Amino acid sequence: MPVCEMCGREGDILKAEVEGVELNVCFGCSKYGSVKKRGYASISRSFEKHSSKEEPSFQVVHNFASLLRSYRERNSMTQEDFAKFLNERESVVAKWESGSLKPRIDTARVLERKLNIRFVEMDTETKQVDTKKKVSHEFTLGDFIKVRKRE
């Protein structure tokens, strides 16, 4: 069943323009904009199928900095020459080699192809999502709002 993009209600959906954005909304939410198309608006289910799959995650290897530095030193290149070779800024290459910065996965894959070194591996750690609510010591908007009780 299609879902309203404003309130989340399931049911018949209309295409409406709300504040300059075209949305699939229910009849109740259509009053906030101008209705473009009456009747059933088709909503793709490919996102739901895609999101339910559990895809493998990847990470940059832990010894990325030492691998990169050893490759540069083996080929007797300066950081400046190496940065030009990689089409990166010299400061970025310096941070990669010092270990203070790791590249994104897509950048590491480009480096793998260029240098013929393995930089990306499957993430073997299973990250558990903490279901407990974290206590924040910062104020939120809710801390400042007084809610009046109806009698």
Protein backbone atom coordinates (compact mmCIF):
# COMPACT_ATOMS: atom_id res chain seq x y z
CA MET A 1 0.00 0.00 0.00
CA PRO A 2 1.40 3.46 -0.86
CA VAL A 3 2.37 5.77 1.98
CA CYS A 4 1.94 9.53 2.29
CA GLU A 5 5.33 11.27 2.22
CA MET A 6 4.17 13.92 4.71
CA CYS A 7 2.28 12.09 7.43
CA GLY A 8 3.04 8.41 6.75
CA ARG A 9 -0.62 7.39 6.40
CA GLU A 10 -1.32 4.44 4.10
CA GLY A 11 -4.06 4.70 1.51
CA ASP A 12 -4.91 6.48 -1.72
CA ILE A 13 -2.18 8.86 -2.80
CA LEU A 14 -2.26 12.08 -4.82
CA LYS A 15 0.61 13.91 -6.50
CA ALA A 16 0.78 17.44 -5.12
CA GLU A 17 3.23 20.31 -5.16
CA VAL A 18 3.89 21.44 -1.60
CA GLU A 19 6.18 24.48 -1.19
CA GLY A 20 7.81 23.89 -4.56
CA VAL A 21 8.39 20.16 -4.07
CA GLU A 22 6.37 17.44 -5.79
CA LEU A 23 5.25 14.88 -3.19
CA ASN A 24 3.01 11.83 -3.01
CA VAL A 25 0.49 12.79 -0.31
CA CYS A 26 -2.80 11.57 1.11
CA PHE A 27 -6.06 13.48 0.68
CA GLY A 28 -5.69 15.12 4.11
CA CYS A 29 -2.20 16.46 3.37
CA SER A 30 -3.12 17.62 -0.15
CA LYS A 31 -4.62 20.79 1.36
CA TYR A 32 -1.08 22.05 2.08
CA GLY A 33 -0.27 22.32 -1.62
CA SER A 34 -1.77 22.23 -5.09
CA VAL A 35 -2.85 18.85 -6.46
CA LYS A 36 -1.06 17.97 -9.70
CA LYS A 37 -2.54 14.58 -10.44
CA ARG A 38 -5.58 12.87 -9.00
CA GLY A 39 -5.79 9.14 -8.63
CA TYR A 40 -3.20 6.57 -7.71
CA ALA A 41 0.39 7.76 -7.90
CA SER A 42 2.80 4.94 -8.59
CA ILE A 43 5.48 4.48 -6.00
CA SER A 44 8.47 2.31 -6.75
CA ARG A 45 9.04 -0.58 -4.37
CA SER A 46 12.63 -1.10 -5.50
CA PHE A 47 13.92 0.92 -2.54
CA GLU A 48 12.24 -1.38 -0.03
CA LYS A 49 13.66 -4.46 -1.73
CA HIS A 50 17.11 -2.92 -1.85
CA SER A 51 17.12 -1.74 1.76
CA SER A 52 16.01 -5.10 3.14
CA LYS A 53 19.07 -6.82 1.66
CA GLU A 54 22.07 -6.90 3.86
CA GLU A 55 25.02 -5.95 1.72
CA PRO A 56 28.59 -6.62 2.78
CA SER A 57 30.42 -3.60 4.10
CA PHE A 58 34.00 -2.72 3.32
CA GLN A 59 36.72 -0.83 5.14
CA VAL A 60 40.18 0.50 4.41
CA VAL A 61 42.94 -1.79 5.72
CA HIS A 62 44.40 -0.85 9.09
CA ASN A 63 48.00 -0.56 7.77
CA PHE A 64 47.06 1.74 4.87
CA ALA A 65 49.56 4.44 5.88
CA SER A 66 52.56 2.09 6.02
CA LEU A 67 51.63 0.43 2.70
CA LEU A 68 51.35 3.79 0.96
CA ARG A 69 54.61 5.10 2.40
CA SER A 70 56.55 1.93 1.57
CA TYR A 71 55.29 2.03 -2.03
CA ARG A 72 56.42 5.66 -2.37
CA GLU A 73 59.84 4.96 -0.85
CA ARG A 74 60.37 1.82 -2.98
CA ASN A 75 59.86 3.90 -6.09
CA SER A 76 62.09 6.68 -4.66
CA MET A 77 59.50 9.41 -5.04
CA THR A 78 59.04 12.53 -2.96
CA GLN A 79 55.63 13.25 -1.47
CA GLU A 80 55.21 16.02 -4.00
CA ASP A 81 55.92 13.71 -6.96
CA PHE A 82 53.76 10.99 -5.46
CA ALA A 83 50.85 13.42 -5.00
CA LYS A 84 51.12 14.48 -8.65
CA PHE A 85 51.20 10.82 -9.68
CA LEU A 86 48.02 10.14 -7.69
CA ASN A 87 46.32 13.40 -8.74
CA GLU A 88 45.87 14.37 -5.09
CA ARG A 89 47.01 17.31 -3.02
CA GLU A 90 50.33 16.96 -1.28
CA SER A 91 48.76 17.72 2.10
CA VAL A 92 46.27 14.86 1.65
CA VAL A 93 49.03 12.40 0.77
CA ALA A 94 51.02 13.56 3.82
CA LYS A 95 48.01 12.96 6.09
CA TRP A 96 47.43 9.53 4.53
CA GLU A 97 51.04 8.55 5.16
CA SER A 98 51.01 9.84 8.73
CA GLY A 99 47.84 7.87 9.45
CA SER A 100 45.84 10.90 10.56
CA LEU A 101 43.48 10.52 7.58
CA LYS A 102 42.10 7.48 5.80
CA PRO A 103 40.59 7.76 2.33
CA ARG A 104 36.98 6.97 1.51
CA ILE A 105 36.29 3.52 0.08
CA ASP A 106 35.90 4.75 -3.50
CA THR A 107 39.19 6.67 -3.32
CA ALA A 108 40.95 3.62 -1.86
CA ARG A 109 39.65 1.52 -4.75
CA VAL A 110 41.09 4.01 -7.26
CA LEU A 111 44.44 3.84 -5.43
CA GLU A 112 44.27 0.02 -5.53
CA ARG A 113 43.97 0.03 -9.31
CA LYS A 114 46.68 2.64 -9.76
CA LEU A 115 49.26 1.15 -7.37
CA ASN A 116 48.25 -2.53 -7.62
CA ILE A 117 48.08 -2.84 -3.80
CA ARG A 118 45.12 -4.15 -1.80
CA PHE A 119 43.70 -1.30 0.33
CA VAL A 120 40.06 -2.38 0.82
CA GLU A 121 38.90 -5.41 2.79
CA MET A 122 35.58 -6.82 3.94
CA ASP A 123 34.44 -5.43 7.27
CA THR A 124 34.46 -8.44 9.57
CA GLU A 125 33.34 -6.53 12.64
CA THR A 126 29.63 -6.69 13.26
CA LYS A 127 28.55 -3.32 14.49
CA GLN A 128 25.78 -3.70 16.99
CA VAL A 129 23.29 -0.89 17.16
CA ASP A 130 22.75 0.29 20.71
CA THR A 131 19.01 0.32 21.27
CA LYS A 132 19.29 2.20 24.56
CA LYS A 133 18.74 5.92 24.35
CA LYS A 134 21.98 7.80 24.86
CA VAL A 135 21.88 10.47 27.52
CA SER A 136 23.06 13.76 26.18
CA HIS A 137 24.39 16.48 28.42
CA GLU A 138 23.43 19.14 25.89
CA PHE A 139 20.16 21.03 25.95
CA THR A 140 17.57 20.34 23.29
CA LEU A 141 14.58 22.36 22.19
CA GLY A 142 12.36 20.10 24.28
CA ASP A 143 14.16 21.22 27.45
CA PHE A 144 12.95 24.78 26.94
CA ILE A 145 9.33 24.14 25.99
CA LYS A 146 6.61 24.18 28.63
CA VAL A 147 3.72 21.89 27.81
CA ARG A 148 0.37 22.98 29.18
CA LYS A 149 -1.92 20.26 30.41
CA ARG A 150 -5.51 20.44 29.25
CA GLU A 151 -8.08 20.13 31.91
